[in-house]
Amino acid sequence: MELRRAHPEPLPRVRENFEDTLDLLDLYPLGGLFRLSGLGQHELLGERVALARLQAYWRLFGLDLAGLKVRLYTGLSLEAGNTYFEDTPITADSSCTVGRSGSAR
């Protein structure tokens, strides 16, 4: 097994909507792959979003066959975040935490 590279994510992301009136299109979605992976796509909606993510992956091996490159990677991610409305404070206790690991080609 050859451990090659880790891929750190940027700092936590926070978005906030400053509109006085809101409709469904003004809400920020959260949920789905690499945006709280344990939840369904856009399962959470809110005026404010906080998301922190730590990811790492490593190449296990690579194979070149007649110009076809096959690579096998393994990795893990840890995600924490939630959506909030104006009157809800953003705290660490109110965040959803998701961790996952796996392999991909």
PDB file of N, CA and C in Angstrom:
ATOM      1  N   MET A   1       0.848  -1.173   0.000  1.00  0.00           N
ATOM      2  CA  MET A   1       0.000   0.000   0.000  1.00  0.00           C
ATOM      3  C   MET A   1       0.893   1.236   0.000  1.00  0.00           C
ATOM      4  N   GLU A   2       0.595   2.129  -0.886  1.00  0.00           N
ATOM      5  CA  GLU A   2       1.382   3.343  -1.044  1.00  0.00           C
ATOM      6  C   GLU A   2       0.522   4.550  -0.674  1.00  0.00           C
ATOM      7  N   LEU A   3       0.879   5.229   0.390  1.00  0.00           N
ATOM      8  CA  LEU A   3       0.147   6.417   0.798  1.00  0.00           C
ATOM      9  C   LEU A   3       0.799   7.624   0.153  1.00  0.00           C
ATOM     10  N   ARG A   4       0.033   8.343  -0.639  1.00  0.00           N
ATOM     11  CA  ARG A   4       0.622   9.407  -1.440  1.00  0.00           C
ATOM     12  C   ARG A   4       0.277  10.805  -0.974  1.00  0.00           C
ATOM     13  N   ARG A   5      -1.008  11.124  -0.890  1.00  0.00           N
ATOM     14  CA  ARG A   5      -1.346  12.527  -0.767  1.00  0.00           C
ATOM     15  C   ARG A   5      -2.633  12.696   0.044  1.00  0.00           C
ATOM     16  N   ALA A   6      -2.665  13.731   0.821  1.00  0.00           N
ATOM     17  CA  ALA A   6      -3.877  14.121   1.541  1.00  0.00           C
ATOM     18  C   ALA A   6      -4.387  15.417   0.922  1.00  0.00           C
ATOM     19  N   HIS A   7      -5.682  15.587   0.918  1.00  0.00           N
ATOM     20  CA  HIS A   7      -6.306  16.753   0.293  1.00  0.00           C
ATOM     21  C   HIS A   7      -7.069  17.541   1.356  1.00  0.00           C
ATOM     22  N   PRO A   8      -6.437  18.538   1.966  1.00  0.00           N
ATOM     23  CA  PRO A   8      -7.148  19.321   2.980  1.00  0.00           C
ATOM     24  C   PRO A   8      -8.138  20.280   2.329  1.00  0.00           C
ATOM     25  N   GLU A   9      -9.244  20.497   2.982  1.00  0.00           N
ATOM     26  CA  GLU A   9     -10.259  21.431   2.507  1.00  0.00           C
ATOM     27  C   GLU A   9      -9.990  22.821   3.077  1.00  0.00           C
ATOM     28  N   PRO A  10     -10.518  23.855   2.438  1.00  0.00           N
ATOM     29  CA  PRO A  10     -10.352  25.204   2.978  1.00  0.00           C
ATOM     30  C   PRO A  10     -11.081  25.361   4.316  1.00  0.00           C
ATOM     31  N   LEU A  11     -10.956  26.527   4.899  1.00  0.00           N
ATOM     32  CA  LEU A  11     -11.585  26.827   6.187  1.00  0.00           C
ATOM     33  C   LEU A  11     -13.091  26.596   6.134  1.00  0.00           C
ATOM     34  N   PRO A  12     -13.747  26.507   7.295  1.00  0.00           N
ATOM     35  CA  PRO A  12     -15.199  26.312   7.312  1.00  0.00           C
ATOM     36  C   PRO A  12     -15.916  27.381   6.496  1.00  0.00           C
ATOM     37  N   ARG A  13     -17.043  26.996   5.946  1.00  0.00           N
ATOM     38  CA  ARG A  13     -17.827  27.911   5.117  1.00  0.00           C
ATOM     39  C   ARG A  13     -19.070  28.349   5.871  1.00  0.00           C
ATOM     40  N   VAL A  14     -19.375  29.623   5.802  1.00  0.00           N
ATOM     41  CA  VAL A  14     -20.578  30.163   6.417  1.00  0.00           C
ATOM     42  C   VAL A  14     -21.228  31.075   5.390  1.00  0.00           C
ATOM     43  N   ARG A  15     -22.527  30.906   5.202  1.00  0.00           N
ATOM     44  CA  ARG A  15     -23.286  31.782   4.303  1.00  0.00           C
ATOM     45  C   ARG A  15     -24.478  32.328   5.064  1.00  0.00           C
ATOM     46  N   GLU A  16     -24.844  33.557   4.742  1.00  0.00           N
ATOM     47  CA  GLU A  16     -25.975  34.177   5.422  1.00  0.00           C
ATOM     48  C   GLU A  16     -26.758  35.002   4.421  1.00  0.00           C
ATOM     49  N   ASN A  17     -28.077  34.974   4.532  1.00  0.00           N
ATOM     50  CA  ASN A  17     -28.967  35.715   3.663  1.00  0.00           C
ATOM     51  C   ASN A  17     -29.416  36.978   4.396  1.00  0.00           C
ATOM     52  N   PHE A  18     -29.235  38.144   3.783  1.00  0.00           N
ATOM     53  CA  PHE A  18     -29.573  39.409   4.424  1.00  0.00           C
ATOM     54  C   PHE A  18     -30.873  40.015   3.899  1.00  0.00           C
ATOM     55  N   GLU A  19     -31.645  39.257   3.139  1.00  0.00           N
ATOM     56  CA  GLU A  19     -32.915  39.754   2.599  1.00  0.00           C
ATOM     57  C   GLU A  19     -33.942  39.905   3.724  1.00  0.00           C
ATOM     58  N   ASP A  20     -34.832  40.916   3.614  1.00  0.00           N
ATOM     59  CA  ASP A  20     -35.890  41.097   4.612  1.00  0.00           C
ATOM     60  C   ASP A  20     -37.005  40.076   4.447  1.00  0.00           C
ATOM     61  N   THR A  21     -37.371  39.796   3.214  1.00  0.00           N
ATOM     62  CA  THR A  21     -38.411  38.799   2.959  1.00  0.00           C
ATOM     63  C   THR A  21     -37.769  37.590   2.295  1.00  0.00           C
ATOM     64  N   LEU A  22     -38.243  36.423   2.637  1.00  0.00           N
ATOM     65  CA  LEU A  22     -37.657  35.191   2.125  1.00  0.00           C
ATOM     66  C   LEU A  22     -38.711  34.347   1.428  1.00  0.00           C
ATOM     67  N   ASP A  23     -38.314  33.697   0.358  1.00  0.00           N
ATOM     68  CA  ASP A  23     -39.118  32.633  -0.210  1.00  0.00           C
ATOM     69  C   ASP A  23     -38.210  31.410  -0.350  1.00  0.00           C
ATOM     70  N   LEU A  24     -38.701  30.348  -0.887  1.00  0.00           N
ATOM     71  CA  LEU A  24     -37.953  29.099  -0.944  1.00  0.00           C
ATOM     72  C   LEU A  24     -36.639  29.236  -1.709  1.00  0.00           C
ATOM     73  N   LEU A  25     -36.600  30.098  -2.721  1.00  0.00           N
ATOM     74  CA  LEU A  25     -35.382  30.259  -3.518  1.00  0.00           C
ATOM     75  C   LEU A  25     -34.293  31.035  -2.774  1.00  0.00           C
ATOM     76  N   ASP A  26     -34.646  31.733  -1.695  1.00  0.00           N
ATOM     77  CA  ASP A  26     -33.669  32.490  -0.912  1.00  0.00           C
ATOM     78  C   ASP A  26     -32.990  31.648   0.167  1.00  0.00           C
ATOM     79  N   LEU A  27     -33.435  30.419   0.367  1.00  0.00           N
ATOM     80  CA  LEU A  27     -32.866  29.567   1.407  1.00  0.00           C
ATOM     81  C   LEU A  27     -31.678  28.787   0.858  1.00  0.00           C
ATOM     82  N   TYR A  28     -30.686  28.560   1.713  1.00  0.00           N
ATOM     83  CA  TYR A  28     -29.500  27.798   1.329  1.00  0.00           C
ATOM     84  C   TYR A  28     -29.715  26.321   1.630  1.00  0.00           C
ATOM     85  N   PRO A  29     -29.421  25.435   0.668  1.00  0.00           N
ATOM     86  CA  PRO A  29     -29.577  23.993   0.907  1.00  0.00           C
ATOM     87  C   PRO A  29     -28.303  23.389   1.495  1.00  0.00           C
ATOM     88  N   LEU A  30     -28.469  22.306   2.214  1.00  0.00           N
ATOM     89  CA  LEU A  30     -27.351  21.549   2.759  1.00  0.00           C
ATOM     90  C   LEU A  30     -27.764  20.089   2.796  1.00  0.00           C
ATOM     91  N   GLY A  31     -26.853  19.211   2.455  1.00  0.00           N
ATOM     92  CA  GLY A  31     -27.124  17.778   2.433  1.00  0.00           C
ATOM     93  C   GLY A  31     -26.688  17.193   1.104  1.00  0.00           C
ATOM     94  N   GLY A  32     -26.270  15.950   1.126  1.00  0.00           N
ATOM     95  CA  GLY A  32     -25.806  15.282  -0.082  1.00  0.00           C
ATOM     96  C   GLY A  32     -24.310  15.033  -0.010  1.00  0.00           C
ATOM     97  N   LEU A  33     -23.764  14.510  -1.066  1.00  0.00           N
ATOM     98  CA  LEU A  33     -22.373  14.102  -1.114  1.00  0.00           C
ATOM     99  C   LEU A  33     -21.427  15.260  -0.816  1.00  0.00           C
ATOM    100  N   PHE A  34     -20.587  15.108   0.205  1.00  0.00           N
ATOM    101  CA  PHE A  34     -19.595  16.078   0.680  1.00  0.00           C
ATOM    102  C   PHE A  34     -20.210  17.369   1.225  1.00  0.00           C
ATOM    103  N   ARG A  35     -21.504  17.381   1.466  1.00  0.00           N
ATOM    104  CA  ARG A  35     -22.191  18.506   2.118  1.00  0.00           C
ATOM    105  C   ARG A  35     -23.119  17.923   3.178  1.00  0.00           C
ATOM    106  N   LEU A  36     -22.563  17.220   4.131  1.00  0.00           N
ATOM    107  CA  LEU A  36     -23.215  16.360   5.115  1.00  0.00           C
ATOM    108  C   LEU A  36     -23.713  15.102   4.412  1.00  0.00           C
ATOM    109  N   SER A  37     -22.794  14.226   4.093  1.00  0.00           N
ATOM    110  CA  SER A  37     -23.026  13.050   3.251  1.00  0.00           C
ATOM    111  C   SER A  37     -24.069  12.087   3.792  1.00  0.00           C
ATOM    112  N   GLY A  38     -24.309  12.073   5.082  1.00  0.00           N
ATOM    113  CA  GLY A  38     -25.305  11.160   5.646  1.00  0.00           C
ATOM    114  C   GLY A  38     -26.736  11.592   5.390  1.00  0.00           C
ATOM    115  N   LEU A  39     -26.932  12.801   4.895  1.00  0.00           N
ATOM    116  CA  LEU A  39     -28.264  13.325   4.609  1.00  0.00           C
ATOM    117  C   LEU A  39     -28.546  13.273   3.120  1.00  0.00           C
ATOM    118  N   GLY A  40     -29.828  13.338   2.782  1.00  0.00           N
ATOM    119  CA  GLY A  40     -30.218  13.369   1.374  1.00  0.00           C
ATOM    120  C   GLY A  40     -29.875  14.706   0.734  1.00  0.00           C
ATOM    121  N   GLN A  41     -29.892  14.721  -0.593  1.00  0.00           N
ATOM    122  CA  GLN A  41     -29.579  15.936  -1.349  1.00  0.00           C
ATOM    123  C   GLN A  41     -30.521  17.064  -0.943  1.00  0.00           C
ATOM    124  N   HIS A  42     -29.969  18.186  -0.488  1.00  0.00           N
ATOM    125  CA  HIS A  42     -30.712  19.387  -0.096  1.00  0.00           C
ATOM    126  C   HIS A  42     -31.772  19.088   0.974  1.00  0.00           C
ATOM    127  N   GLU A  43     -31.445  18.193   1.901  1.00  0.00           N
ATOM    128  CA  GLU A  43     -32.411  17.824   2.947  1.00  0.00           C
ATOM    129  C   GLU A  43     -32.645  18.946   3.953  1.00  0.00           C
ATOM    130  N   LEU A  44     -31.653  19.769   4.191  1.00  0.00           N
ATOM    131  CA  LEU A  44     -31.778  20.885   5.126  1.00  0.00           C
ATOM    132  C   LEU A  44     -31.826  22.202   4.363  1.00  0.00           C
ATOM    133  N   LEU A  45     -32.691  23.113   4.783  1.00  0.00           N
ATOM    134  CA  LEU A  45     -32.793  24.449   4.190  1.00  0.00           C
ATOM    135  C   LEU A  45     -32.778  25.472   5.315  1.00  0.00           C
ATOM    136  N   GLY A  46     -32.135  26.615   5.095  1.00  0.00           N
ATOM    137  CA  GLY A  46     -32.121  27.660   6.105  1.00  0.00           C
ATOM    138  C   GLY A  46     -31.597  28.971   5.558  1.00  0.00           C
ATOM    139  N   GLU A  47     -31.793  30.026   6.341  1.00  0.00           N
ATOM    140  CA  GLU A  47     -31.293  31.352   5.965  1.00  0.00           C
ATOM    141  C   GLU A  47     -29.783  31.439   6.096  1.00  0.00           C
ATOM    142  N   ARG A  48     -29.220  30.657   7.028  1.00  0.00           N
ATOM    143  CA  ARG A  48     -27.775  30.640   7.252  1.00  0.00           C
ATOM    144  C   ARG A  48     -27.293  29.200   7.220  1.00  0.00           C
ATOM    145  N   VAL A  49     -26.075  29.017   6.720  1.00  0.00           N
ATOM    146  CA  VAL A  49     -25.475  27.689   6.620  1.00  0.00           C
ATOM    147  C   VAL A  49     -24.071  27.746   7.198  1.00  0.00           C
ATOM    148  N   ALA A  50     -23.719  26.747   7.986  1.00  0.00           N
ATOM    149  CA  ALA A  50     -22.347  26.591   8.475  1.00  0.00           C
ATOM    150  C   ALA A  50     -21.916  25.170   8.128  1.00  0.00           C
ATOM    151  N   LEU A  51     -20.730  25.030   7.522  1.00  0.00           N
ATOM    152  CA  LEU A  51     -20.237  23.718   7.113  1.00  0.00           C
ATOM    153  C   LEU A  51     -18.725  23.681   7.279  1.00  0.00           C
ATOM    154  N   ALA A  52     -18.239  22.678   7.998  1.00  0.00           N
ATOM    155  CA  ALA A  52     -16.804  22.438   8.135  1.00  0.00           C
ATOM    156  C   ALA A  52     -16.546  21.019   7.638  1.00  0.00           C
ATOM    157  N   ARG A  53     -15.464  20.854   6.892  1.00  0.00           N
ATOM    158  CA  ARG A  53     -15.204  19.552   6.273  1.00  0.00           C
ATOM    159  C   ARG A  53     -13.714  19.272   6.290  1.00  0.00           C
ATOM    160  N   LEU A  54     -13.368  18.054   6.659  1.00  0.00           N
ATOM    161  CA  LEU A  54     -11.989  17.586   6.621  1.00  0.00           C
ATOM    162  C   LEU A  54     -11.971  16.322   5.778  1.00  0.00           C
ATOM    163  N   GLN A  55     -11.178  16.326   4.713  1.00  0.00           N
ATOM    164  CA  GLN A  55     -11.106  15.180   3.807  1.00  0.00           C
ATOM    165  C   GLN A  55      -9.654  14.800   3.561  1.00  0.00           C
ATOM    166  N   ALA A  56      -9.439  13.524   3.369  1.00  0.00           N
ATOM    167  CA  ALA A  56      -8.112  13.033   2.984  1.00  0.00           C
ATOM    168  C   ALA A  56      -8.296  11.820   2.087  1.00  0.00           C
ATOM    169  N   TYR A  57      -7.446  11.689   1.083  1.00  0.00           N
ATOM    170  CA  TYR A  57      -7.468  10.486   0.246  1.00  0.00           C
ATOM    171  C   TYR A  57      -6.048  10.112  -0.140  1.00  0.00           C
ATOM    172  N   TRP A  58      -5.869   8.831  -0.400  1.00  0.00           N
ATOM    173  CA  TRP A  58      -4.563   8.297  -0.754  1.00  0.00           C
ATOM    174  C   TRP A  58      -4.710   7.343  -1.923  1.00  0.00           C
ATOM    175  N   ARG A  59      -3.740   7.362  -2.804  1.00  0.00           N
ATOM    176  CA  ARG A  59      -3.735   6.416  -3.924  1.00  0.00           C
ATOM    177  C   ARG A  59      -3.133   5.108  -3.437  1.00  0.00           C
ATOM    178  N   LEU A  60      -3.879   4.031  -3.574  1.00  0.00           N
ATOM    179  CA  LEU A  60      -3.391   2.720  -3.167  1.00  0.00           C
ATOM    180  C   LEU A  60      -2.473   2.125  -4.229  1.00  0.00           C
ATOM    181  N   PHE A  61      -2.914   2.181  -5.491  1.00  0.00           N
ATOM    182  CA  PHE A  61      -2.050   1.724  -6.576  1.00  0.00           C
ATOM    183  C   PHE A  61      -2.566   2.267  -7.900  1.00  0.00           C
ATOM    184  N   GLY A  62      -1.705   2.229  -8.889  1.00  0.00           N
ATOM    185  CA  GLY A  62      -2.055   2.641 -10.237  1.00  0.00           C
ATOM    186  C   GLY A  62      -1.605   1.591 -11.229  1.00  0.00           C
ATOM    187  N   LEU A  63      -2.342   1.451 -12.309  1.00  0.00           N
ATOM    188  CA  LEU A  63      -2.053   0.442 -13.321  1.00  0.00           C
ATOM    189  C   LEU A  63      -2.253   1.068 -14.694  1.00  0.00           C
ATOM    190  N   ASP A  64      -1.257   0.922 -15.574  1.00  0.00           N
ATOM    191  CA  ASP A  64      -1.361   1.426 -16.944  1.00  0.00           C
ATOM    192  C   ASP A  64      -1.417   0.237 -17.894  1.00  0.00           C
ATOM    193  N   LEU A  65      -2.537   0.110 -18.600  1.00  0.00           N
ATOM    194  CA  LEU A  65      -2.722  -0.987 -19.556  1.00  0.00           C
ATOM    195  C   LEU A  65      -3.046  -0.402 -20.928  1.00  0.00           C
ATOM    196  N   ALA A  66      -2.092  -0.442 -21.833  1.00  0.00           N
ATOM    197  CA  ALA A  66      -2.295  -0.005 -23.220  1.00  0.00           C
ATOM    198  C   ALA A  66      -2.965   1.369 -23.295  1.00  0.00           C
ATOM    199  N   GLY A  67      -2.456   2.307 -22.535  1.00  0.00           N
ATOM    200  CA  GLY A  67      -3.000   3.659 -22.563  1.00  0.00           C
ATOM    201  C   GLY A  67      -4.168   3.884 -21.630  1.00  0.00           C
ATOM    202  N   LEU A  68      -4.691   2.844 -21.011  1.00  0.00           N
ATOM    203  CA  LEU A  68      -5.787   2.974 -20.060  1.00  0.00           C
ATOM    204  C   LEU A  68      -5.210   3.046 -18.648  1.00  0.00           C
ATOM    205  N   LYS A  69      -5.480   4.127 -17.962  1.00  0.00           N
ATOM    206  CA  LYS A  69      -4.951   4.309 -16.611  1.00  0.00           C
ATOM    207  C   LYS A  69      -6.027   3.959 -15.585  1.00  0.00           C
ATOM    208  N   VAL A  70      -5.693   3.058 -14.687  1.00  0.00           N
ATOM    209  CA  VAL A  70      -6.598   2.654 -13.620  1.00  0.00           C
ATOM    210  C   VAL A  70      -5.936   3.021 -12.295  1.00  0.00           C
ATOM    211  N   ARG A  71      -6.641   3.753 -11.462  1.00  0.00           N
ATOM    212  CA  ARG A  71      -6.129   4.161 -10.161  1.00  0.00           C
ATOM    213  C   ARG A  71      -7.139   3.749  -9.093  1.00  0.00           C
ATOM    214  N   LEU A  72      -6.649   3.283  -7.962  1.00  0.00           N
ATOM    215  CA  LEU A  72      -7.510   2.933  -6.838  1.00  0.00           C
ATOM    216  C   LEU A  72      -7.142   3.824  -5.662  1.00  0.00           C
ATOM    217  N   TYR A  73      -8.132   4.523  -5.125  1.00  0.00           N
ATOM    218  CA  TYR A  73      -7.936   5.458  -4.020  1.00  0.00           C
ATOM    219  C   TYR A  73      -8.762   5.008  -2.821  1.00  0.00           C
ATOM    220  N   THR A  74      -8.308   5.388  -1.662  1.00  0.00           N
ATOM    221  CA  THR A  74      -9.099   5.242  -0.447  1.00  0.00           C
ATOM    222  C   THR A  74      -9.059   6.573   0.286  1.00  0.00           C
ATOM    223  N   GLY A  75     -10.062   6.816   1.098  1.00  0.00           N
ATOM    224  CA  GLY A  75     -10.090   8.095   1.791  1.00  0.00           C
ATOM    225  C   GLY A  75     -11.110   8.128   2.897  1.00  0.00           C
ATOM    226  N   LEU A  76     -11.176   9.283   3.530  1.00  0.00           N
ATOM    227  CA  LEU A  76     -12.143   9.487   4.600  1.00  0.00           C
ATOM    228  C   LEU A  76     -12.525  10.951   4.643  1.00  0.00           C
ATOM    229  N   SER A  77     -13.676  11.207   5.231  1.00  0.00           N
ATOM    230  CA  SER A  77     -14.100  12.596   5.417  1.00  0.00           C
ATOM    231  C   SER A  77     -14.859  12.710   6.725  1.00  0.00           C
ATOM    232  N   LEU A  78     -14.766  13.878   7.326  1.00  0.00           N
ATOM    233  CA  LEU A  78     -15.512  14.214   8.520  1.00  0.00           C
ATOM    234  C   LEU A  78     -16.164  15.567   8.247  1.00  0.00           C
ATOM    235  N   GLU A  79     -17.470  15.626   8.382  1.00  0.00           N
ATOM    236  CA  GLU A  79     -18.219  16.837   8.060  1.00  0.00           C
ATOM    237  C   GLU A  79     -19.086  17.238   9.251  1.00  0.00           C
ATOM    238  N   ALA A  80     -19.183  18.518   9.502  1.00  0.00           N
ATOM    239  CA  ALA A  80     -20.060  19.042  10.553  1.00  0.00           C
ATOM    240  C   ALA A  80     -20.701  20.321  10.038  1.00  0.00           C
ATOM    241  N   GLY A  81     -21.983  20.482  10.297  1.00  0.00           N
ATOM    242  CA  GLY A  81     -22.668  21.685   9.859  1.00  0.00           C
ATOM    243  C   GLY A  81     -24.155  21.593  10.104  1.00  0.00           C
ATOM    244  N   ASN A  82     -24.847  22.661   9.751  1.00  0.00           N
ATOM    245  CA  ASN A  82     -26.297  22.704   9.887  1.00  0.00           C
ATOM    246  C   ASN A  82     -26.796  23.958   9.182  1.00  0.00           C
ATOM    247  N   THR A  83     -28.103  24.053   9.036  1.00  0.00           N
ATOM    248  CA  THR A  83     -28.726  25.279   8.541  1.00  0.00           C
ATOM    249  C   THR A  83     -29.474  25.918   9.696  1.00  0.00           C
ATOM    250  N   TYR A  84     -29.586  27.231   9.648  1.00  0.00           N
ATOM    251  CA  TYR A  84     -30.185  27.969  10.759  1.00  0.00           C
ATOM    252  C   TYR A  84     -31.083  29.064  10.208  1.00  0.00           C
ATOM    253  N   PHE A  85     -32.054  29.443  11.015  1.00  0.00           N
ATOM    254  CA  PHE A  85     -32.873  30.601  10.696  1.00  0.00           C
ATOM    255  C   PHE A  85     -32.432  31.769  11.570  1.00  0.00           C
ATOM    256  N   GLU A  86     -32.917  32.949  11.268  1.00  0.00           N
ATOM    257  CA  GLU A  86     -32.411  34.187  11.862  1.00  0.00           C
ATOM    258  C   GLU A  86     -32.370  34.160  13.392  1.00  0.00           C
ATOM    259  N   ASP A  87     -33.366  33.585  14.018  1.00  0.00           N
ATOM    260  CA  ASP A  87     -33.433  33.620  15.475  1.00  0.00           C
ATOM    261  C   ASP A  87     -32.718  32.449  16.152  1.00  0.00           C
ATOM    262  N   THR A  88     -32.060  31.587  15.391  1.00  0.00           N
ATOM    263  CA  THR A  88     -31.362  30.435  15.949  1.00  0.00           C
ATOM    264  C   THR A  88     -29.857  30.711  16.001  1.00  0.00           C
ATOM    265  N   PRO A  89     -29.235  30.605  17.177  1.00  0.00           N
ATOM    266  CA  PRO A  89     -27.786  30.838  17.256  1.00  0.00           C
ATOM    267  C   PRO A  89     -26.999  29.670  16.651  1.00  0.00           C
ATOM    268  N   ILE A  90     -25.871  29.979  16.041  1.00  0.00           N
ATOM    269  CA  ILE A  90     -24.990  28.939  15.493  1.00  0.00           C
ATOM    270  C   ILE A  90     -24.047  28.505  16.602  1.00  0.00           C
ATOM    271  N   THR A  91     -24.176  27.257  17.030  1.00  0.00           N
ATOM    272  CA  THR A  91     -23.317  26.711  18.080  1.00  0.00           C
ATOM    273  C   THR A  91     -22.786  25.350  17.654  1.00  0.00           C
ATOM    274  N   ALA A  92     -21.703  24.923  18.270  1.00  0.00           N
ATOM    275  CA  ALA A  92     -21.133  23.600  17.968  1.00  0.00           C
ATOM    276  C   ALA A  92     -22.090  22.486  18.383  1.00  0.00           C
ATOM    277  N   ASP A  93     -22.855  22.687  19.445  1.00  0.00           N
ATOM    278  CA  ASP A  93     -23.797  21.661  19.906  1.00  0.00           C
ATOM    279  C   ASP A  93     -24.946  21.443  18.935  1.00  0.00           C
ATOM    280  N   SER A  94     -25.277  22.436  18.131  1.00  0.00           N
ATOM    281  CA  SER A  94     -26.408  22.316  17.221  1.00  0.00           C
ATOM    282  C   SER A  94     -26.017  21.763  15.849  1.00  0.00           C
ATOM    283  N   SER A  95     -24.756  21.428  15.642  1.00  0.00           N
ATOM    284  CA  SER A  95     -24.336  20.956  14.318  1.00  0.00           C
ATOM    285  C   SER A  95     -24.549  19.449  14.181  1.00  0.00           C
ATOM    286  N   CYS A  96     -24.744  19.014  12.942  1.00  0.00           N
ATOM    287  CA  CYS A  96     -24.819  17.600  12.600  1.00  0.00           C
ATOM    288  C   CYS A  96     -23.410  17.163  12.215  1.00  0.00           C
ATOM    289  N   THR A  97     -22.975  16.004  12.679  1.00  0.00           N
ATOM    290  CA  THR A  97     -21.634  15.508  12.374  1.00  0.00           C
ATOM    291  C   THR A  97     -21.746  14.215  11.598  1.00  0.00           C
ATOM    292  N   VAL A  98     -20.984  14.108  10.497  1.00  0.00           N
ATOM    293  CA  VAL A  98     -21.010  12.922   9.643  1.00  0.00           C
ATOM    294  C   VAL A  98     -19.582  12.522   9.333  1.00  0.00           C
ATOM    295  N   GLY A  99     -19.298  11.247   9.411  1.00  0.00           N
ATOM    296  CA  GLY A  99     -17.993  10.725   9.002  1.00  0.00           C
ATOM    297  C   GLY A  99     -18.191   9.573   8.049  1.00  0.00           C
ATOM    298  N   ARG A 100     -17.305   9.430   7.082  1.00  0.00           N
ATOM    299  CA  ARG A 100     -17.410   8.305   6.150  1.00  0.00           C
ATOM    300  C   ARG A 100     -16.032   7.949   5.631  1.00  0.00           C
ATOM    301  N   SER A 101     -15.895   6.737   5.169  1.00  0.00           N
ATOM    302  CA  SER A 101     -14.660   6.301   4.537  1.00  0.00           C
ATOM    303  C   SER A 101     -15.024   5.381   3.394  1.00  0.00           C
ATOM    304  N   GLY A 102     -14.107   5.206   2.463  1.00  0.00           N
ATOM    305  CA  GLY A 102     -14.395   4.340   1.339  1.00  0.00           C
ATOM    306  C   GLY A 102     -13.280   4.326   0.334  1.00  0.00           C
ATOM    307  N   SER A 103     -13.510   3.566  -0.725  1.00  0.00           N
ATOM    308  CA  SER A 103     -12.556   3.451  -1.824  1.00  0.00           C
ATOM    309  C   SER A 103     -13.237   3.805  -3.121  1.00  0.00           C
ATOM    310  N   ALA A 104     -12.472   4.309  -4.072  1.00  0.00           N
ATOM    311  CA  ALA A 104     -13.031   4.679  -5.373  1.00  0.00           C
ATOM    312  C   ALA A 104     -11.968   4.498  -6.450  1.00  0.00           C
ATOM    313  N   ARG A 105     -12.444   4.333  -7.677  1.00  0.00           N
ATOM    314  CA  ARG A 105     -11.541   4.242  -8.815  1.00  0.00           C
ATOM    315  C   ARG A 105     -11.746   5.423  -9.714  1.00  0.00           C
TER     316      ARG A 105
END
